[in-house]
């Protein structure tokens, strides 16, 4: 098994973040259905920064997952759930249905 990085999952859309582009007046994101096409983050803090910006912009729950190559397929292990409430981002354990 080989760890590839951390990926961001949107359970409402059943998609993974594929790319993000920040410009002065606009942020664009693209999403994909296959975890192998997802944007991988090597550092957790970088992924959390993207999650924070995405949650504030879209007001939805996002999950952070570890992506590993286990040979003939990929393994996705959800490690944290993020939501936004009362002006603050909240990190918690993923709901049981994601573990």
PDB file of N, CA and C in Angstrom:
ATOM      1  N   UNK A   1       0.851  -1.181   0.000  1.00  0.00           N
ATOM      2  CA  UNK A   1       0.000   0.000   0.000  1.00  0.00           C
ATOM      3  C   UNK A   1       0.893   1.239   0.000  1.00  0.00           C
ATOM      4  N   UNK A   2       0.542   2.214  -0.847  1.00  0.00           N
ATOM      5  CA  UNK A   2       1.327   3.440  -0.970  1.00  0.00           C
ATOM      6  C   UNK A   2       0.410   4.643  -0.777  1.00  0.00           C
ATOM      7  N   UNK A   3       0.728   5.471   0.224  1.00  0.00           N
ATOM      8  CA  UNK A   3      -0.042   6.685   0.507  1.00  0.00           C
ATOM      9  C   UNK A   3       0.218   7.702  -0.598  1.00  0.00           C
ATOM     10  N   UNK A   4      -0.863   8.225  -1.202  1.00  0.00           N
ATOM     11  CA  UNK A   4      -0.734   9.189  -2.290  1.00  0.00           C
ATOM     12  C   UNK A   4      -0.948  10.624  -1.842  1.00  0.00           C
ATOM     13  N   UNK A   5      -1.756  10.823  -0.807  1.00  0.00           N
ATOM     14  CA  UNK A   5      -2.010  12.168  -0.318  1.00  0.00           C
ATOM     15  C   UNK A   5      -3.398  12.289   0.274  1.00  0.00           C
ATOM     16  N   UNK A   6      -3.748  13.515   0.624  1.00  0.00           N
ATOM     17  CA  UNK A   6      -5.064  13.817   1.190  1.00  0.00           C
ATOM     18  C   UNK A   6      -5.942  14.409   0.099  1.00  0.00           C
ATOM     19  N   UNK A   7      -7.204  13.993   0.072  1.00  0.00           N
ATOM     20  CA  UNK A   7      -8.141  14.478  -0.930  1.00  0.00           C
ATOM     21  C   UNK A   7      -9.397  15.003  -0.242  1.00  0.00           C
ATOM     22  N   UNK A   8     -10.153  15.831  -0.952  1.00  0.00           N
ATOM     23  CA  UNK A   8     -11.359  16.467  -0.405  1.00  0.00           C
ATOM     24  C   UNK A   8     -12.580  15.898  -1.121  1.00  0.00           C
ATOM     25  N   UNK A   9     -13.571  15.504  -0.331  1.00  0.00           N
ATOM     26  CA  UNK A   9     -14.783  14.870  -0.855  1.00  0.00           C
ATOM     27  C   UNK A   9     -16.019  15.674  -0.458  1.00  0.00           C
ATOM     28  N   UNK A  10     -16.924  15.868  -1.401  1.00  0.00           N
ATOM     29  CA  UNK A  10     -18.201  16.530  -1.150  1.00  0.00           C
ATOM     30  C   UNK A  10     -19.296  15.460  -1.174  1.00  0.00           C
ATOM     31  N   UNK A  11     -19.784  15.036  -0.005  1.00  0.00           N
ATOM     32  CA  UNK A  11     -20.779  13.961   0.026  1.00  0.00           C
ATOM     33  C   UNK A  11     -22.126  14.348  -0.594  1.00  0.00           C
ATOM     34  N   UNK A  12     -22.456  15.628  -0.610  1.00  0.00           N
ATOM     35  CA  UNK A  12     -23.722  16.054  -1.204  1.00  0.00           C
ATOM     36  C   UNK A  12     -23.724  15.846  -2.720  1.00  0.00           C
ATOM     37  N   UNK A  13     -22.559  16.004  -3.329  1.00  0.00           N
ATOM     38  CA  UNK A  13     -22.432  15.834  -4.778  1.00  0.00           C
ATOM     39  C   UNK A  13     -21.824  14.481  -5.146  1.00  0.00           C
ATOM     40  N   UNK A  14     -21.290  13.769  -4.150  1.00  0.00           N
ATOM     41  CA  UNK A  14     -20.599  12.491  -4.375  1.00  0.00           C
ATOM     42  C   UNK A  14     -19.415  12.682  -5.325  1.00  0.00           C
ATOM     43  N   UNK A  15     -18.670  13.784  -5.112  1.00  0.00           N
ATOM     44  CA  UNK A  15     -17.533  14.131  -5.962  1.00  0.00           C
ATOM     45  C   UNK A  15     -16.317  14.510  -5.129  1.00  0.00           C
ATOM     46  N   UNK A  16     -15.162  14.398  -5.768  1.00  0.00           N
ATOM     47  CA  UNK A  16     -13.884  14.777  -5.176  1.00  0.00           C
ATOM     48  C   UNK A  16     -13.392  16.060  -5.843  1.00  0.00           C
ATOM     49  N   UNK A  17     -12.711  16.895  -5.081  1.00  0.00           N
ATOM     50  CA  UNK A  17     -12.135  18.115  -5.641  1.00  0.00           C
ATOM     51  C   UNK A  17     -11.014  17.725  -6.601  1.00  0.00           C
ATOM     52  N   UNK A  18     -11.127  18.173  -7.854  1.00  0.00           N
ATOM     53  CA  UNK A  18     -10.116  17.856  -8.858  1.00  0.00           C
ATOM     54  C   UNK A  18      -9.092  18.982  -9.005  1.00  0.00           C
ATOM     55  N   UNK A  19      -9.584  20.222  -8.927  1.00  0.00           N
ATOM     56  CA  UNK A  19      -8.658  21.351  -9.046  1.00  0.00           C
ATOM     57  C   UNK A  19      -9.307  22.586  -8.440  1.00  0.00           C
ATOM     58  N   UNK A  20      -8.452  23.522  -8.090  1.00  0.00           N
ATOM     59  CA  UNK A  20      -8.916  24.810  -7.564  1.00  0.00           C
ATOM     60  C   UNK A  20      -8.017  25.886  -8.147  1.00  0.00           C
ATOM     61  N   UNK A  21      -8.634  26.985  -8.517  1.00  0.00           N
ATOM     62  CA  UNK A  21      -7.888  28.099  -9.096  1.00  0.00           C
ATOM     63  C   UNK A  21      -8.342  29.375  -8.411  1.00  0.00           C
ATOM     64  N   UNK A  22      -7.422  30.013  -7.717  1.00  0.00           N
ATOM     65  CA  UNK A  22      -7.712  31.273  -7.026  1.00  0.00           C
ATOM     66  C   UNK A  22      -7.158  32.434  -7.836  1.00  0.00           C
ATOM     67  N   UNK A  23      -8.031  33.373  -8.114  1.00  0.00           N
ATOM     68  CA  UNK A  23      -7.624  34.612  -8.763  1.00  0.00           C
ATOM     69  C   UNK A  23      -8.089  35.764  -7.888  1.00  0.00           C
ATOM     70  N   UNK A  24      -7.696  36.941  -8.228  1.00  0.00           N
ATOM     71  CA  UNK A  24      -7.976  38.102  -7.385  1.00  0.00           C
ATOM     72  C   UNK A  24      -9.464  38.261  -7.063  1.00  0.00           C
ATOM     73  N   UNK A  25     -10.327  38.107  -8.044  1.00  0.00           N
ATOM     74  CA  UNK A  25     -11.753  38.349  -7.845  1.00  0.00           C
ATOM     75  C   UNK A  25     -12.604  37.095  -8.005  1.00  0.00           C
ATOM     76  N   UNK A  26     -11.961  35.930  -8.147  1.00  0.00           N
ATOM     77  CA  UNK A  26     -12.736  34.731  -8.417  1.00  0.00           C
ATOM     78  C   UNK A  26     -11.981  33.482  -7.977  1.00  0.00           C
ATOM     79  N   UNK A  27     -12.724  32.508  -7.492  1.00  0.00           N
ATOM     80  CA  UNK A  27     -12.179  31.184  -7.208  1.00  0.00           C
ATOM     81  C   UNK A  27     -13.018  30.178  -7.975  1.00  0.00           C
ATOM     82  N   UNK A  28     -12.349  29.320  -8.721  1.00  0.00           N
ATOM     83  CA  UNK A  28     -13.086  28.279  -9.433  1.00  0.00           C
ATOM     84  C   UNK A  28     -12.597  26.910  -8.969  1.00  0.00           C
ATOM     85  N   UNK A  29     -13.543  25.980  -8.918  1.00  0.00           N
ATOM     86  CA  UNK A  29     -13.234  24.619  -8.503  1.00  0.00           C
ATOM     87  C   UNK A  29     -13.828  23.665  -9.530  1.00  0.00           C
ATOM     88  N   UNK A  30     -13.110  22.580  -9.774  1.00  0.00           N
ATOM     89  CA  UNK A  30     -13.690  21.522 -10.593  1.00  0.00           C
ATOM     90  C   UNK A  30     -13.708  20.255  -9.753  1.00  0.00           C
ATOM     91  N   UNK A  31     -14.698  19.424 -10.022  1.00  0.00           N
ATOM     92  CA  UNK A  31     -14.930  18.222  -9.230  1.00  0.00           C
ATOM     93  C   UNK A  31     -14.921  17.001 -10.152  1.00  0.00           C
ATOM     94  N   UNK A  32     -14.598  15.846  -9.594  1.00  0.00           N
ATOM     95  CA  UNK A  32     -14.555  14.610 -10.369  1.00  0.00           C
ATOM     96  C   UNK A  32     -15.159  13.472  -9.550  1.00  0.00           C
ATOM     97  N   UNK A  33     -15.567  12.425 -10.220  1.00  0.00           N
ATOM     98  CA  UNK A  33     -16.197  11.299  -9.517  1.00  0.00           C
ATOM     99  C   UNK A  33     -15.202  10.216  -9.117  1.00  0.00           C
ATOM    100  N   UNK A  34     -14.019  10.246  -9.685  1.00  0.00           N
ATOM    101  CA  UNK A  34     -13.023   9.206  -9.433  1.00  0.00           C
ATOM    102  C   UNK A  34     -11.923   9.729  -8.497  1.00  0.00           C
ATOM    103  N   UNK A  35     -11.677   9.054  -7.380  1.00  0.00           N
ATOM    104  CA  UNK A  35     -10.644   9.552  -6.456  1.00  0.00           C
ATOM    105  C   UNK A  35      -9.242   9.596  -7.069  1.00  0.00           C
ATOM    106  N   UNK A  36      -8.985   8.775  -8.071  1.00  0.00           N
ATOM    107  CA  UNK A  36      -7.660   8.790  -8.695  1.00  0.00           C
ATOM    108  C   UNK A  36      -7.405  10.089  -9.462  1.00  0.00           C
ATOM    109  N   UNK A  37      -8.471  10.829  -9.789  1.00  0.00           N
ATOM    110  CA  UNK A  37      -8.347  12.097 -10.502  1.00  0.00           C
ATOM    111  C   UNK A  37      -8.380  13.300  -9.556  1.00  0.00           C
ATOM    112  N   UNK A  38      -8.553  13.056  -8.264  1.00  0.00           N
ATOM    113  CA  UNK A  38      -8.669  14.136  -7.280  1.00  0.00           C
ATOM    114  C   UNK A  38      -7.333  14.824  -7.044  1.00  0.00           C
ATOM    115  N   UNK A  39      -7.416  16.088  -6.669  1.00  0.00           N
ATOM    116  CA  UNK A  39      -6.216  16.844  -6.294  1.00  0.00           C
ATOM    117  C   UNK A  39      -5.709  16.292  -4.970  1.00  0.00           C
ATOM    118  N   UNK A  40      -4.446  15.904  -4.936  1.00  0.00           N
ATOM    119  CA  UNK A  40      -3.837  15.363  -3.715  1.00  0.00           C
ATOM    120  C   UNK A  40      -3.018  16.444  -3.017  1.00  0.00           C
ATOM    121  N   UNK A  41      -3.189  16.507  -1.724  1.00  0.00           N
ATOM    122  CA  UNK A  41      -2.421  17.424  -0.889  1.00  0.00           C
ATOM    123  C   UNK A  41      -1.451  16.602  -0.056  1.00  0.00           C
ATOM    124  N   UNK A  42      -0.228  17.027  -0.008  1.00  0.00           N
ATOM    125  CA  UNK A  42       0.781  16.331   0.813  1.00  0.00           C
ATOM    126  C   UNK A  42       0.736  16.808   2.258  1.00  0.00           C
ATOM    127  N   UNK A  43       0.281  18.039   2.470  1.00  0.00           N
ATOM    128  CA  UNK A  43       0.222  18.597   3.823  1.00  0.00           C
ATOM    129  C   UNK A  43      -1.226  18.843   4.228  1.00  0.00           C
ATOM    130  N   UNK A  44      -1.578  18.389   5.417  1.00  0.00           N
ATOM    131  CA  UNK A  44      -2.947  18.512   5.904  1.00  0.00           C
ATOM    132  C   UNK A  44      -3.386  19.962   5.987  1.00  0.00           C
ATOM    133  N   UNK A  45      -2.522  20.856   6.420  1.00  0.00           N
ATOM    134  CA  UNK A  45      -2.907  22.259   6.580  1.00  0.00           C
ATOM    135  C   UNK A  45      -3.294  22.893   5.251  1.00  0.00           C
ATOM    136  N   UNK A  46      -2.612  22.526   4.172  1.00  0.00           N
ATOM    137  CA  UNK A  46      -2.978  23.060   2.853  1.00  0.00           C
ATOM    138  C   UNK A  46      -4.382  22.605   2.464  1.00  0.00           C
ATOM    139  N   UNK A  47      -4.692  21.336   2.708  1.00  0.00           N
ATOM    140  CA  UNK A  47      -6.031  20.814   2.411  1.00  0.00           C
ATOM    141  C   UNK A  47      -7.083  21.514   3.268  1.00  0.00           C
ATOM    142  N   UNK A  48      -6.778  21.724   4.533  1.00  0.00           N
ATOM    143  CA  UNK A  48      -7.726  22.393   5.433  1.00  0.00           C
ATOM    144  C   UNK A  48      -7.972  23.830   4.990  1.00  0.00           C
ATOM    145  N   UNK A  49      -6.945  24.514   4.515  1.00  0.00           N
ATOM    146  CA  UNK A  49      -7.127  25.883   4.013  1.00  0.00           C
ATOM    147  C   UNK A  49      -8.091  25.910   2.819  1.00  0.00           C
ATOM    148  N   UNK A  50      -7.959  24.936   1.928  1.00  0.00           N
ATOM    149  CA  UNK A  50      -8.868  24.852   0.778  1.00  0.00           C
ATOM    150  C   UNK A  50     -10.277  24.508   1.246  1.00  0.00           C
ATOM    151  N   UNK A  51     -10.388  23.602   2.197  1.00  0.00           N
ATOM    152  CA  UNK A  51     -11.696  23.251   2.754  1.00  0.00           C
ATOM    153  C   UNK A  51     -12.353  24.477   3.375  1.00  0.00           C
ATOM    154  N   UNK A  52     -11.604  25.225   4.159  1.00  0.00           N
ATOM    155  CA  UNK A  52     -12.145  26.429   4.818  1.00  0.00           C
ATOM    156  C   UNK A  52     -12.715  27.391   3.776  1.00  0.00           C
ATOM    157  N   UNK A  53     -11.962  27.669   2.752  1.00  0.00           N
ATOM    158  CA  UNK A  53     -12.410  28.595   1.703  1.00  0.00           C
ATOM    159  C   UNK A  53     -13.633  28.041   0.976  1.00  0.00           C
ATOM    160  N   UNK A  54     -13.648  26.758   0.706  1.00  0.00           N
ATOM    161  CA  UNK A  54     -14.769  26.142  -0.013  1.00  0.00           C
ATOM    162  C   UNK A  54     -16.029  26.120   0.838  1.00  0.00           C
ATOM    163  N   UNK A  55     -15.892  25.818   2.115  1.00  0.00           N
ATOM    164  CA  UNK A  55     -17.056  25.782   3.006  1.00  0.00           C
ATOM    165  C   UNK A  55     -17.661  27.171   3.158  1.00  0.00           C
ATOM    166  N   UNK A  56     -16.829  28.170   3.329  1.00  0.00           N
ATOM    167  CA  UNK A  56     -17.337  29.542   3.484  1.00  0.00           C
ATOM    168  C   UNK A  56     -18.067  29.965   2.211  1.00  0.00           C
ATOM    169  N   UNK A  57     -17.539  29.605   1.061  1.00  0.00           N
ATOM    170  CA  UNK A  57     -18.149  29.988  -0.215  1.00  0.00           C
ATOM    171  C   UNK A  57     -19.426  29.211  -0.520  1.00  0.00           C
ATOM    172  N   UNK A  58     -19.518  27.975  -0.061  1.00  0.00           N
ATOM    173  CA  UNK A  58     -20.619  27.112  -0.499  1.00  0.00           C
ATOM    174  C   UNK A  58     -21.531  26.646   0.622  1.00  0.00           C
ATOM    175  N   UNK A  59     -21.119  26.801   1.885  1.00  0.00           N
ATOM    176  CA  UNK A  59     -21.936  26.418   3.027  1.00  0.00           C
ATOM    177  C   UNK A  59     -22.384  24.953   2.969  1.00  0.00           C
ATOM    178  N   UNK A  60     -21.426  24.036   2.845  1.00  0.00           N
ATOM    179  CA  UNK A  60     -21.758  22.617   2.847  1.00  0.00           C
ATOM    180  C   UNK A  60     -20.732  21.826   3.639  1.00  0.00           C
ATOM    181  N   UNK A  61     -21.014  20.583   3.885  1.00  0.00           N
ATOM    182  CA  UNK A  61     -20.113  19.690   4.611  1.00  0.00           C
ATOM    183  C   UNK A  61     -19.109  19.096   3.625  1.00  0.00           C
ATOM    184  N   UNK A  62     -17.843  19.063   4.006  1.00  0.00           N
ATOM    185  CA  UNK A  62     -16.802  18.430   3.206  1.00  0.00           C
ATOM    186  C   UNK A  62     -16.035  17.447   4.078  1.00  0.00           C
ATOM    187  N   UNK A  63     -15.501  16.417   3.433  1.00  0.00           N
ATOM    188  CA  UNK A  63     -14.721  15.407   4.140  1.00  0.00           C
ATOM    189  C   UNK A  63     -13.285  15.415   3.632  1.00  0.00           C
ATOM    190  N   UNK A  64     -12.356  15.174   4.543  1.00  0.00           N
ATOM    191  CA  UNK A  64     -10.951  15.012   4.198  1.00  0.00           C
ATOM    192  C   UNK A  64     -10.643  13.528   4.262  1.00  0.00           C
ATOM    193  N   UNK A  65      -9.988  13.018   3.234  1.00  0.00           N
ATOM    194  CA  UNK A  65      -9.712  11.582   3.169  1.00  0.00           C
ATOM    195  C   UNK A  65      -8.265  11.328   2.788  1.00  0.00           C
ATOM    196  N   UNK A  66      -7.763  10.180   3.225  1.00  0.00           N
ATOM    197  CA  UNK A  66      -6.448   9.708   2.802  1.00  0.00           C
ATOM    198  C   UNK A  66      -6.653   8.816   1.583  1.00  0.00           C
ATOM    199  N   UNK A  67      -5.869   9.062   0.529  1.00  0.00           N
ATOM    200  CA  UNK A  67      -5.929   8.249  -0.675  1.00  0.00           C
ATOM    201  C   UNK A  67      -4.680   7.381  -0.743  1.00  0.00           C
ATOM    202  N   UNK A  68      -4.887   6.083  -0.901  1.00  0.00           N
ATOM    203  CA  UNK A  68      -3.768   5.141  -0.999  1.00  0.00           C
ATOM    204  C   UNK A  68      -3.951   4.247  -2.215  1.00  0.00           C
ATOM    205  N   UNK A  69      -2.835   3.881  -2.820  1.00  0.00           N
ATOM    206  CA  UNK A  69      -2.820   2.931  -3.927  1.00  0.00           C
ATOM    207  C   UNK A  69      -2.554   1.563  -3.312  1.00  0.00           C
ATOM    208  N   UNK A  70      -3.509   0.646  -3.467  1.00  0.00           N
ATOM    209  CA  UNK A  70      -3.342  -0.679  -2.866  1.00  0.00           C
ATOM    210  C   UNK A  70      -3.165  -1.758  -3.948  1.00  0.00           C
ATOM    211  N   UNK A  71      -2.614  -1.349  -5.076  1.00  0.00           N
ATOM    212  CA  UNK A  71      -2.352  -2.300  -6.147  1.00  0.00           C
ATOM    213  C   UNK A  71      -3.282  -2.085  -7.315  1.00  0.00           C
ATOM    214  N   UNK A  72      -4.301  -2.905  -7.399  1.00  0.00           N
ATOM    215  CA  UNK A  72      -5.210  -2.829  -8.538  1.00  0.00           C
ATOM    216  C   UNK A  72      -6.327  -1.796  -8.345  1.00  0.00           C
ATOM    217  N   UNK A  73      -6.365  -1.143  -7.189  1.00  0.00           N
ATOM    218  CA  UNK A  73      -7.401  -0.144  -6.927  1.00  0.00           C
ATOM    219  C   UNK A  73      -6.905   0.882  -5.912  1.00  0.00           C
ATOM    220  N   UNK A  74      -7.767   1.858  -5.642  1.00  0.00           N
ATOM    221  CA  UNK A  74      -7.439   2.902  -4.671  1.00  0.00           C
ATOM    222  C   UNK A  74      -8.294   2.723  -3.422  1.00  0.00           C
ATOM    223  N   UNK A  75      -7.711   3.084  -2.294  1.00  0.00           N
ATOM    224  CA  UNK A  75      -8.437   3.052  -1.021  1.00  0.00           C
ATOM    225  C   UNK A  75      -8.634   4.484  -0.549  1.00  0.00           C
ATOM    226  N   UNK A  76      -9.868   4.815  -0.192  1.00  0.00           N
ATOM    227  CA  UNK A  76     -10.209   6.136   0.339  1.00  0.00           C
ATOM    228  C   UNK A  76     -10.633   5.941   1.791  1.00  0.00           C
ATOM    229  N   UNK A  77      -9.925   6.574   2.709  1.00  0.00           N
ATOM    230  CA  UNK A  77     -10.240   6.474   4.140  1.00  0.00           C
ATOM    231  C   UNK A  77     -10.543   7.877   4.663  1.00  0.00           C
ATOM    232  N   UNK A  78     -11.804   8.114   5.012  1.00  0.00           N
ATOM    233  CA  UNK A  78     -12.205   9.429   5.508  1.00  0.00           C
ATOM    234  C   UNK A  78     -11.675   9.639   6.922  1.00  0.00           C
ATOM    235  N   UNK A  79     -11.023  10.779   7.151  1.00  0.00           N
ATOM    236  CA  UNK A  79     -10.394  11.036   8.442  1.00  0.00           C
ATOM    237  C   UNK A  79     -11.012  12.201   9.217  1.00  0.00           C
ATOM    238  N   UNK A  80     -11.603  13.165   8.518  1.00  0.00           N
ATOM    239  CA  UNK A  80     -12.204  14.330   9.188  1.00  0.00           C
ATOM    240  C   UNK A  80     -13.387  14.843   8.393  1.00  0.00           C
ATOM    241  N   UNK A  81     -14.333  15.414   9.123  1.00  0.00           N
ATOM    242  CA  UNK A  81     -15.501  16.052   8.515  1.00  0.00           C
ATOM    243  C   UNK A  81     -15.475  17.517   8.912  1.00  0.00           C
ATOM    244  N   UNK A  82     -15.769  18.389   7.952  1.00  0.00           N
ATOM    245  CA  UNK A  82     -15.737  19.823   8.203  1.00  0.00           C
ATOM    246  C   UNK A  82     -17.078  20.445   7.847  1.00  0.00           C
ATOM    247  N   UNK A  83     -17.540  21.343   8.710  1.00  0.00           N
ATOM    248  CA  UNK A  83     -18.762  22.096   8.459  1.00  0.00           C
ATOM    249  C   UNK A  83     -18.537  23.531   8.934  1.00  0.00           C
ATOM    250  N   UNK A  84     -19.494  24.383   8.638  1.00  0.00           N
ATOM    251  CA  UNK A  84     -19.382  25.799   8.980  1.00  0.00           C
ATOM    252  C   UNK A  84     -20.629  26.197   9.747  1.00  0.00           C
ATOM    253  N   UNK A  85     -20.443  26.723  10.948  1.00  0.00           N
ATOM    254  CA  UNK A  85     -21.582  27.100  11.775  1.00  0.00           C
ATOM    255  C   UNK A  85     -21.233  28.321  12.611  1.00  0.00           C
ATOM    256  N   UNK A  86     -22.144  29.274  12.663  1.00  0.00           N
ATOM    257  CA  UNK A  86     -21.958  30.493  13.462  1.00  0.00           C
ATOM    258  C   UNK A  86     -20.628  31.186  13.170  1.00  0.00           C
ATOM    259  N   UNK A  87     -20.251  31.217  11.903  1.00  0.00           N
ATOM    260  CA  UNK A  87     -19.036  31.913  11.507  1.00  0.00           C
ATOM    261  C   UNK A  87     -17.750  31.162  11.774  1.00  0.00           C
ATOM    262  N   UNK A  88     -17.842  29.894  12.164  1.00  0.00           N
ATOM    263  CA  UNK A  88     -16.640  29.115  12.472  1.00  0.00           C
ATOM    264  C   UNK A  88     -16.662  27.789  11.725  1.00  0.00           C
ATOM    265  N   UNK A  89     -15.463  27.347  11.323  1.00  0.00           N
ATOM    266  CA  UNK A  89     -15.338  26.023  10.733  1.00  0.00           C
ATOM    267  C   UNK A  89     -15.190  25.011  11.864  1.00  0.00           C
ATOM    268  N   UNK A  90     -15.922  23.918  11.759  1.00  0.00           N
ATOM    269  CA  UNK A  90     -15.905  22.886  12.785  1.00  0.00           C
ATOM    270  C   UNK A  90     -15.359  21.600  12.183  1.00  0.00           C
ATOM    271  N   UNK A  91     -14.340  21.040  12.831  1.00  0.00           N
ATOM    272  CA  UNK A  91     -13.791  19.749  12.417  1.00  0.00           C
ATOM    273  C   UNK A  91     -14.296  18.678  13.369  1.00  0.00           C
ATOM    274  N   UNK A  92     -14.750  17.569  12.819  1.00  0.00           N
ATOM    275  CA  UNK A  92     -15.227  16.465  13.641  1.00  0.00           C
ATOM    276  C   UNK A  92     -14.888  15.145  12.959  1.00  0.00           C
ATOM    277  N   UNK A  93     -15.193  14.050  13.664  1.00  0.00           N
ATOM    278  CA  UNK A  93     -15.024  12.736  13.057  1.00  0.00           C
ATOM    279  C   UNK A  93     -16.061  12.580  11.951  1.00  0.00           C
ATOM    280  N   UNK A  94     -15.717  11.871  10.886  1.00  0.00           N
ATOM    281  CA  UNK A  94     -16.722  11.653   9.840  1.00  0.00           C
ATOM    282  C   UNK A  94     -17.921  10.868  10.387  1.00  0.00           C
ATOM    283  N   UNK A  95     -19.093  11.165   9.846  1.00  0.00           N
ATOM    284  CA  UNK A  95     -20.275  10.406  10.238  1.00  0.00           C
ATOM    285  C   UNK A  95     -20.035   8.929   9.951  1.00  0.00           C
ATOM    286  N   UNK A  96     -20.692   8.076  10.693  1.00  0.00           N
ATOM    287  CA  UNK A  96     -20.477   6.636  10.593  1.00  0.00           C
ATOM    288  C   UNK A  96     -20.657   6.113   9.168  1.00  0.00           C
ATOM    289  N   UNK A  97     -21.576   6.691   8.402  1.00  0.00           N
ATOM    290  CA  UNK A  97     -21.821   6.207   7.044  1.00  0.00           C
ATOM    291  C   UNK A  97     -20.622   6.406   6.123  1.00  0.00           C
ATOM    292  N   UNK A  98     -19.646   7.228   6.534  1.00  0.00           N
ATOM    293  CA  UNK A  98     -18.449   7.461   5.723  1.00  0.00           C
ATOM    294  C   UNK A  98     -17.236   6.682   6.204  1.00  0.00           C
ATOM    295  N   UNK A  99     -17.361   5.967   7.305  1.00  0.00           N
ATOM    296  CA  UNK A  99     -16.189   5.254   7.828  1.00  0.00           C
ATOM    297  C   UNK A  99     -16.214   3.787   7.477  1.00  0.00           C
TER     298      UNK A  99
END
